[in-house]
Amino acid sequence: MIQRVQTVFLLIVVVLAAVLPFFASLWTLDNGTVIFAKDEMYISIAFYVSAILAFIAILLFKNRKNQFVVNRLNMICNLFILGFFVSRSLNLSGETVVSEKGIGMLIPLFSIVFLVLANRFIKKDEDLVKSVDRLR
């Protein structure tokens, strides 16, 4: 399980989704209040769902097809989070004195990149198993 490359990528997604949003700021309001994921209930729930899906995908190492599907579902969840962040950042004013967009808004993008890499290696493993089965 842990010796596979996709497991390492999925562990990175778990850390990105479960830990990092609560330390990286998402945005700063015009009154100077810094907003983290723990301040917004729906955002924190969405990040926890993403982390749980990545952890479930790690546990599905024996069934690569289901692991692939769970990763796709996790990508959709991260796309929803990213879409929310994009709509929220378009509503924030762009002046540096008034408001500031935080680095935490990029977390779903990094998660999607690592999920795509994990799916690529899952597909490689599945193709390898199919090629070995053809030789029998």
N, C-alpha and C. Protein backbone atom coordinates (compact mmCIF):
# COMPACT_ATOMS: atom_id res chain seq x y z
N MET A 1 0.82 -1.18 0.00
CA MET A 1 0.00 0.00 0.00
C MET A 1 0.87 1.26 0.00
N ILE A 2 1.74 1.44 0.98
CA ILE A 2 2.51 2.68 1.09
C ILE A 2 3.65 2.72 0.06
N GLN A 3 4.02 1.59 -0.50
CA GLN A 3 5.13 1.58 -1.44
C GLN A 3 4.69 2.08 -2.82
N ARG A 4 3.40 2.27 -3.02
CA ARG A 4 2.92 2.76 -4.30
C ARG A 4 2.99 4.28 -4.34
N VAL A 5 3.31 4.82 -5.51
CA VAL A 5 3.49 6.26 -5.66
C VAL A 5 2.17 7.00 -5.44
N GLN A 6 1.06 6.40 -5.91
CA GLN A 6 -0.22 7.09 -5.77
C GLN A 6 -0.62 7.25 -4.31
N THR A 7 -0.16 6.37 -3.45
CA THR A 7 -0.46 6.51 -2.02
C THR A 7 0.23 7.75 -1.45
N VAL A 8 1.44 8.02 -1.91
CA VAL A 8 2.15 9.21 -1.46
C VAL A 8 1.40 10.47 -1.92
N PHE A 9 0.94 10.46 -3.17
CA PHE A 9 0.18 11.60 -3.67
C PHE A 9 -1.12 11.78 -2.90
N LEU A 10 -1.78 10.70 -2.57
CA LEU A 10 -3.03 10.79 -1.81
C LEU A 10 -2.77 11.26 -0.38
N LEU A 11 -1.65 10.86 0.21
CA LEU A 11 -1.30 11.37 1.54
C LEU A 11 -1.05 12.88 1.50
N ILE A 12 -0.44 13.35 0.42
CA ILE A 12 -0.23 14.79 0.26
C ILE A 12 -1.57 15.50 0.18
N VAL A 13 -2.54 14.91 -0.53
CA VAL A 13 -3.87 15.51 -0.63
C VAL A 13 -4.55 15.54 0.73
N VAL A 14 -4.37 14.47 1.53
CA VAL A 14 -4.95 14.45 2.88
C VAL A 14 -4.38 15.58 3.72
N VAL A 15 -3.07 15.77 3.65
CA VAL A 15 -2.45 16.85 4.43
C VAL A 15 -2.88 18.21 3.91
N LEU A 16 -2.95 18.36 2.58
CA LEU A 16 -3.39 19.63 2.00
C LEU A 16 -4.80 19.98 2.42
N ALA A 17 -5.69 18.99 2.42
CA ALA A 17 -7.10 19.27 2.68
C ALA A 17 -7.45 19.29 4.16
N ALA A 18 -6.75 18.53 4.98
CA ALA A 18 -7.13 18.44 6.40
C ALA A 18 -6.37 19.41 7.30
N VAL A 19 -5.15 19.75 6.94
CA VAL A 19 -4.32 20.54 7.84
C VAL A 19 -4.08 21.96 7.32
N LEU A 20 -3.65 22.07 6.10
CA LEU A 20 -3.19 23.36 5.57
C LEU A 20 -4.26 24.46 5.51
N PRO A 21 -5.53 24.18 5.19
CA PRO A 21 -6.51 25.28 5.13
C PRO A 21 -6.74 25.97 6.46
N PHE A 22 -6.38 25.34 7.54
CA PHE A 22 -6.61 25.92 8.84
C PHE A 22 -5.42 26.76 9.32
N PHE A 23 -4.34 26.77 8.52
CA PHE A 23 -3.18 27.60 8.84
C PHE A 23 -2.90 28.64 7.77
N ALA A 24 -3.37 28.41 6.54
CA ALA A 24 -3.19 29.37 5.45
C ALA A 24 -4.45 30.22 5.33
N SER A 25 -4.28 31.51 5.23
CA SER A 25 -5.45 32.40 5.17
C SER A 25 -6.12 32.30 3.81
N LEU A 26 -7.44 32.35 3.83
CA LEU A 26 -8.20 32.31 2.58
C LEU A 26 -8.37 33.71 2.00
N TRP A 27 -8.78 34.65 2.83
CA TRP A 27 -8.88 36.04 2.42
C TRP A 27 -8.93 36.93 3.65
N THR A 28 -8.72 38.22 3.42
CA THR A 28 -8.77 39.21 4.48
C THR A 28 -9.88 40.20 4.16
N LEU A 29 -10.73 40.44 5.12
CA LEU A 29 -11.83 41.38 4.92
C LEU A 29 -11.32 42.82 5.00
N ASP A 30 -12.19 43.76 4.62
CA ASP A 30 -11.77 45.15 4.59
C ASP A 30 -11.50 45.73 5.98
N ASN A 31 -12.05 45.12 7.03
CA ASN A 31 -11.78 45.61 8.38
C ASN A 31 -10.53 44.97 9.00
N GLY A 32 -9.80 44.17 8.24
CA GLY A 32 -8.56 43.56 8.71
C GLY A 32 -8.73 42.17 9.28
N THR A 33 -9.93 41.64 9.26
CA THR A 33 -10.17 40.30 9.77
C THR A 33 -9.67 39.26 8.78
N VAL A 34 -8.82 38.37 9.24
CA VAL A 34 -8.29 37.30 8.40
C VAL A 34 -9.23 36.10 8.51
N ILE A 35 -9.67 35.58 7.36
CA ILE A 35 -10.60 34.46 7.33
C ILE A 35 -9.82 33.19 7.01
N PHE A 36 -9.96 32.19 7.87
CA PHE A 36 -9.40 30.86 7.66
C PHE A 36 -10.55 29.90 7.39
N ALA A 37 -10.24 28.66 7.04
CA ALA A 37 -11.29 27.68 6.76
C ALA A 37 -12.10 27.36 8.01
N LYS A 38 -11.50 27.46 9.18
CA LYS A 38 -12.22 27.16 10.42
C LYS A 38 -13.28 28.21 10.73
N ASP A 39 -13.15 29.40 10.12
CA ASP A 39 -14.12 30.47 10.35
C ASP A 39 -15.39 30.29 9.52
N GLU A 40 -15.30 29.60 8.42
CA GLU A 40 -16.44 29.34 7.55
C GLU A 40 -16.79 27.86 7.63
N MET A 41 -17.97 27.55 8.13
CA MET A 41 -18.34 26.16 8.40
C MET A 41 -18.41 25.33 7.11
N TYR A 42 -19.03 25.88 6.05
CA TYR A 42 -19.19 25.12 4.82
C TYR A 42 -17.85 24.84 4.14
N ILE A 43 -16.94 25.77 4.22
CA ILE A 43 -15.63 25.56 3.62
C ILE A 43 -14.86 24.48 4.39
N SER A 44 -14.93 24.53 5.71
CA SER A 44 -14.22 23.51 6.49
C SER A 44 -14.82 22.13 6.27
N ILE A 45 -16.14 22.04 6.14
CA ILE A 45 -16.78 20.75 5.85
C ILE A 45 -16.33 20.24 4.49
N ALA A 46 -16.27 21.12 3.50
CA ALA A 46 -15.84 20.71 2.16
C ALA A 46 -14.39 20.22 2.17
N PHE A 47 -13.53 20.90 2.92
CA PHE A 47 -12.14 20.44 3.00
C PHE A 47 -12.05 19.09 3.72
N TYR A 48 -12.84 18.91 4.77
CA TYR A 48 -12.83 17.62 5.47
C TYR A 48 -13.37 16.50 4.58
N VAL A 49 -14.38 16.79 3.77
CA VAL A 49 -14.90 15.78 2.84
C VAL A 49 -13.81 15.39 1.84
N SER A 50 -13.07 16.37 1.36
CA SER A 50 -11.98 16.09 0.43
C SER A 50 -10.90 15.22 1.09
N ALA A 51 -10.55 15.54 2.34
CA ALA A 51 -9.53 14.75 3.05
C ALA A 51 -10.02 13.33 3.31
N ILE A 52 -11.29 13.19 3.69
CA ILE A 52 -11.84 11.86 3.95
C ILE A 52 -11.89 11.03 2.68
N LEU A 53 -12.27 11.65 1.55
CA LEU A 53 -12.28 10.92 0.29
C LEU A 53 -10.88 10.46 -0.11
N ALA A 54 -9.88 11.30 0.12
CA ALA A 54 -8.51 10.90 -0.19
C ALA A 54 -8.06 9.76 0.71
N PHE A 55 -8.44 9.80 1.99
CA PHE A 55 -8.07 8.73 2.90
C PHE A 55 -8.79 7.43 2.53
N ILE A 56 -10.05 7.52 2.12
CA ILE A 56 -10.78 6.33 1.68
C ILE A 56 -10.11 5.74 0.44
N ALA A 57 -9.65 6.62 -0.46
CA ALA A 57 -8.95 6.14 -1.67
C ALA A 57 -7.67 5.41 -1.30
N ILE A 58 -6.99 5.85 -0.25
CA ILE A 58 -5.78 5.13 0.20
C ILE A 58 -6.15 3.74 0.68
N LEU A 59 -7.26 3.64 1.40
CA LEU A 59 -7.68 2.33 1.93
C LEU A 59 -8.20 1.39 0.84
N LEU A 60 -8.55 1.92 -0.31
CA LEU A 60 -9.04 1.09 -1.42
C LEU A 60 -7.91 0.63 -2.34
N PHE A 61 -6.73 0.41 -1.78
CA PHE A 61 -5.58 0.07 -2.62
C PHE A 61 -5.73 -1.29 -3.30
N LYS A 62 -6.57 -2.17 -2.78
CA LYS A 62 -6.76 -3.49 -3.40
C LYS A 62 -7.70 -3.42 -4.60
N ASN A 63 -8.57 -2.44 -4.62
CA ASN A 63 -9.52 -2.30 -5.72
C ASN A 63 -9.23 -0.99 -6.45
N ARG A 64 -8.40 -1.09 -7.48
CA ARG A 64 -7.91 0.10 -8.17
C ARG A 64 -9.02 0.85 -8.92
N LYS A 65 -10.01 0.13 -9.42
CA LYS A 65 -11.10 0.80 -10.15
C LYS A 65 -11.91 1.69 -9.21
N ASN A 66 -12.23 1.18 -8.03
CA ASN A 66 -12.95 2.00 -7.05
C ASN A 66 -12.09 3.17 -6.56
N GLN A 67 -10.79 2.93 -6.43
CA GLN A 67 -9.87 3.99 -6.02
C GLN A 67 -9.86 5.11 -7.06
N PHE A 68 -9.88 4.73 -8.32
CA PHE A 68 -9.91 5.69 -9.41
C PHE A 68 -11.20 6.52 -9.36
N VAL A 69 -12.34 5.87 -9.11
CA VAL A 69 -13.63 6.55 -9.05
C VAL A 69 -13.70 7.51 -7.86
N VAL A 70 -13.19 7.07 -6.71
CA VAL A 70 -13.20 7.93 -5.53
C VAL A 70 -12.32 9.15 -5.76
N ASN A 71 -11.21 8.98 -6.46
CA ASN A 71 -10.35 10.12 -6.78
C ASN A 71 -11.05 11.10 -7.72
N ARG A 72 -11.81 10.57 -8.67
CA ARG A 72 -12.57 11.44 -9.56
C ARG A 72 -13.62 12.23 -8.78
N LEU A 73 -14.29 11.56 -7.85
CA LEU A 73 -15.27 12.23 -7.00
C LEU A 73 -14.61 13.32 -6.15
N ASN A 74 -13.41 13.04 -5.68
CA ASN A 74 -12.65 14.02 -4.90
C ASN A 74 -12.26 15.21 -5.78
N MET A 75 -11.92 14.96 -7.04
CA MET A 75 -11.62 16.06 -7.95
C MET A 75 -12.84 16.96 -8.15
N ILE A 76 -14.01 16.36 -8.26
CA ILE A 76 -15.23 17.15 -8.42
C ILE A 76 -15.48 17.99 -7.17
N CYS A 77 -15.27 17.40 -6.00
CA CYS A 77 -15.42 18.14 -4.75
C CYS A 77 -14.45 19.32 -4.69
N ASN A 78 -13.21 19.10 -5.10
CA ASN A 78 -12.23 20.19 -5.11
C ASN A 78 -12.55 21.25 -6.16
N LEU A 79 -13.17 20.83 -7.27
CA LEU A 79 -13.59 21.81 -8.27
C LEU A 79 -14.70 22.70 -7.73
N PHE A 80 -15.62 22.13 -6.93
CA PHE A 80 -16.65 22.93 -6.29
C PHE A 80 -16.04 23.94 -5.31
N ILE A 81 -15.07 23.48 -4.53
CA ILE A 81 -14.39 24.38 -3.59
C ILE A 81 -13.68 25.49 -4.36
N LEU A 82 -12.99 25.12 -5.42
CA LEU A 82 -12.28 26.11 -6.23
C LEU A 82 -13.25 27.09 -6.87
N GLY A 83 -14.39 26.59 -7.34
CA GLY A 83 -15.40 27.48 -7.92
C GLY A 83 -15.95 28.46 -6.90
N PHE A 84 -16.16 27.98 -5.67
CA PHE A 84 -16.60 28.88 -4.61
C PHE A 84 -15.56 29.96 -4.34
N PHE A 85 -14.30 29.56 -4.30
CA PHE A 85 -13.23 30.52 -4.05
C PHE A 85 -13.13 31.55 -5.18
N VAL A 86 -13.30 31.10 -6.42
CA VAL A 86 -13.23 32.02 -7.55
C VAL A 86 -14.38 33.02 -7.47
N SER A 87 -15.60 32.52 -7.19
CA SER A 87 -16.73 33.45 -7.09
C SER A 87 -16.55 34.40 -5.90
N ARG A 88 -16.01 33.90 -4.82
CA ARG A 88 -15.77 34.74 -3.65
C ARG A 88 -14.69 35.79 -3.94
N SER A 89 -13.64 35.39 -4.66
CA SER A 89 -12.57 36.35 -4.96
C SER A 89 -13.03 37.40 -5.96
N LEU A 90 -14.00 37.07 -6.81
CA LEU A 90 -14.54 38.07 -7.72
C LEU A 90 -15.42 39.07 -6.97
N ASN A 91 -15.97 38.67 -5.84
CA ASN A 91 -16.79 39.57 -5.04
C ASN A 91 -15.96 40.44 -4.11
N LEU A 92 -14.73 40.00 -3.80
CA LEU A 92 -13.84 40.83 -2.97
C LEU A 92 -13.29 41.96 -3.82
N SER A 93 -13.10 43.10 -3.20
CA SER A 93 -12.54 44.20 -3.98
C SER A 93 -11.05 43.94 -4.20
N GLY A 94 -10.51 44.49 -5.25
CA GLY A 94 -9.13 44.19 -5.62
C GLY A 94 -8.10 45.15 -5.06
N GLU A 95 -8.52 46.13 -4.30
CA GLU A 95 -7.56 47.08 -3.77
C GLU A 95 -6.76 46.46 -2.65
N THR A 96 -5.46 46.71 -2.62
CA THR A 96 -4.61 46.10 -1.60
C THR A 96 -4.84 46.72 -0.24
N VAL A 97 -5.34 47.94 -0.19
CA VAL A 97 -5.59 48.58 1.09
C VAL A 97 -6.84 48.00 1.75
N VAL A 98 -7.83 47.64 0.93
CA VAL A 98 -9.13 47.23 1.46
C VAL A 98 -9.16 45.74 1.77
N SER A 99 -8.78 44.89 0.83
CA SER A 99 -8.89 43.46 1.05
C SER A 99 -7.73 42.73 0.38
N GLU A 100 -7.53 41.51 0.80
CA GLU A 100 -6.42 40.73 0.29
C GLU A 100 -6.86 39.28 0.13
N LYS A 101 -6.49 38.69 -0.99
CA LYS A 101 -6.80 37.29 -1.22
C LYS A 101 -5.65 36.45 -0.68
N GLY A 102 -5.97 35.40 0.06
CA GLY A 102 -4.94 34.61 0.70
C GLY A 102 -4.44 33.46 -0.16
N ILE A 103 -3.35 32.88 0.25
CA ILE A 103 -2.74 31.76 -0.46
C ILE A 103 -3.56 30.48 -0.30
N GLY A 104 -4.41 30.43 0.71
CA GLY A 104 -5.24 29.25 0.95
C GLY A 104 -6.23 28.96 -0.16
N MET A 105 -6.49 29.93 -1.01
CA MET A 105 -7.41 29.72 -2.14
C MET A 105 -6.82 28.79 -3.19
N LEU A 106 -5.52 28.57 -3.16
CA LEU A 106 -4.88 27.70 -4.15
C LEU A 106 -4.83 26.24 -3.71
N ILE A 107 -5.24 25.94 -2.49
CA ILE A 107 -5.17 24.57 -1.98
C ILE A 107 -5.98 23.59 -2.82
N PRO A 108 -7.22 23.92 -3.24
CA PRO A 108 -7.95 22.97 -4.09
C PRO A 108 -7.25 22.72 -5.43
N LEU A 109 -6.59 23.73 -5.96
CA LEU A 109 -5.87 23.56 -7.22
C LEU A 109 -4.72 22.57 -7.06
N PHE A 110 -3.95 22.71 -5.99
CA PHE A 110 -2.86 21.76 -5.73
C PHE A 110 -3.40 20.35 -5.47
N SER A 111 -4.52 20.27 -4.78
CA SER A 111 -5.13 18.96 -4.51
C SER A 111 -5.54 18.29 -5.81
N ILE A 112 -6.11 19.06 -6.73
CA ILE A 112 -6.52 18.48 -8.02
C ILE A 112 -5.31 17.98 -8.78
N VAL A 113 -4.21 18.72 -8.75
CA VAL A 113 -3.00 18.29 -9.46
C VAL A 113 -2.49 16.96 -8.89
N PHE A 114 -2.45 16.84 -7.56
CA PHE A 114 -1.98 15.59 -6.96
C PHE A 114 -2.96 14.44 -7.18
N LEU A 115 -4.25 14.73 -7.24
CA LEU A 115 -5.23 13.68 -7.54
C LEU A 115 -5.09 13.20 -8.98
N VAL A 116 -4.81 14.10 -9.89
CA VAL A 116 -4.59 13.70 -11.29
C VAL A 116 -3.34 12.82 -11.39
N LEU A 117 -2.28 13.20 -10.68
CA LEU A 117 -1.07 12.38 -10.68
C LEU A 117 -1.33 11.00 -10.08
N ALA A 118 -2.11 10.95 -9.00
CA ALA A 118 -2.44 9.66 -8.39
C ALA A 118 -3.25 8.81 -9.35
N ASN A 119 -4.20 9.40 -10.06
CA ASN A 119 -4.99 8.64 -11.01
C ASN A 119 -4.15 8.14 -12.17
N ARG A 120 -3.16 8.91 -12.56
CA ARG A 120 -2.28 8.46 -13.65
C ARG A 120 -1.52 7.19 -13.23
N PHE A 121 -1.03 7.16 -11.99
CA PHE A 121 -0.29 5.98 -11.54
C PHE A 121 -1.22 4.81 -11.24
N ILE A 122 -2.44 5.08 -10.82
CA ILE A 122 -3.42 4.00 -10.64
C ILE A 122 -3.72 3.36 -12.00
N LYS A 123 -3.87 4.19 -13.03
CA LYS A 123 -4.11 3.68 -14.38
C LYS A 123 -2.93 2.86 -14.86
N LYS A 124 -1.70 3.30 -14.56
CA LYS A 124 -0.52 2.52 -14.94
C LYS A 124 -0.52 1.15 -14.27
N ASP A 125 -0.86 1.12 -12.97
CA ASP A 125 -0.92 -0.16 -12.26
C ASP A 125 -1.99 -1.07 -12.86
N GLU A 126 -3.13 -0.51 -13.18
CA GLU A 126 -4.22 -1.30 -13.75
C GLU A 126 -3.82 -1.86 -15.12
N ASP A 127 -3.16 -1.05 -15.94
CA ASP A 127 -2.69 -1.52 -17.25
C ASP A 127 -1.63 -2.60 -17.09
N LEU A 128 -0.77 -2.48 -16.10
CA LEU A 128 0.25 -3.50 -15.85
C LEU A 128 -0.38 -4.83 -15.44
N VAL A 129 -1.37 -4.77 -14.59
CA VAL A 129 -2.05 -6.00 -14.16
C VAL A 129 -2.78 -6.63 -15.33
N LYS A 130 -3.41 -5.84 -16.18
CA LYS A 130 -4.11 -6.38 -17.34
C LYS A 130 -3.13 -7.01 -18.32
N SER A 131 -1.96 -6.42 -18.50
CA SER A 131 -0.99 -6.99 -19.44
C SER A 131 -0.42 -8.31 -18.91
N VAL A 132 -0.25 -8.40 -17.59
CA VAL A 132 0.25 -9.65 -17.01
C VAL A 132 -0.83 -10.73 -17.11
N ASP A 133 -2.09 -10.37 -16.95
CA ASP A 133 -3.18 -11.34 -17.06
C ASP A 133 -3.31 -11.86 -18.49
N ARG A 134 -2.98 -11.05 -19.47
CA ARG A 134 -3.05 -11.50 -20.87
C ARG A 134 -2.00 -12.56 -21.19
N LEU A 135 -0.88 -12.52 -20.47
CA LEU A 135 0.19 -13.47 -20.74
C LEU A 135 -0.12 -14.85 -20.18
N ARG A 136 -1.02 -14.94 -19.23
CA ARG A 136 -1.33 -16.25 -18.63
C ARG A 136 -2.06 -17.15 -19.53
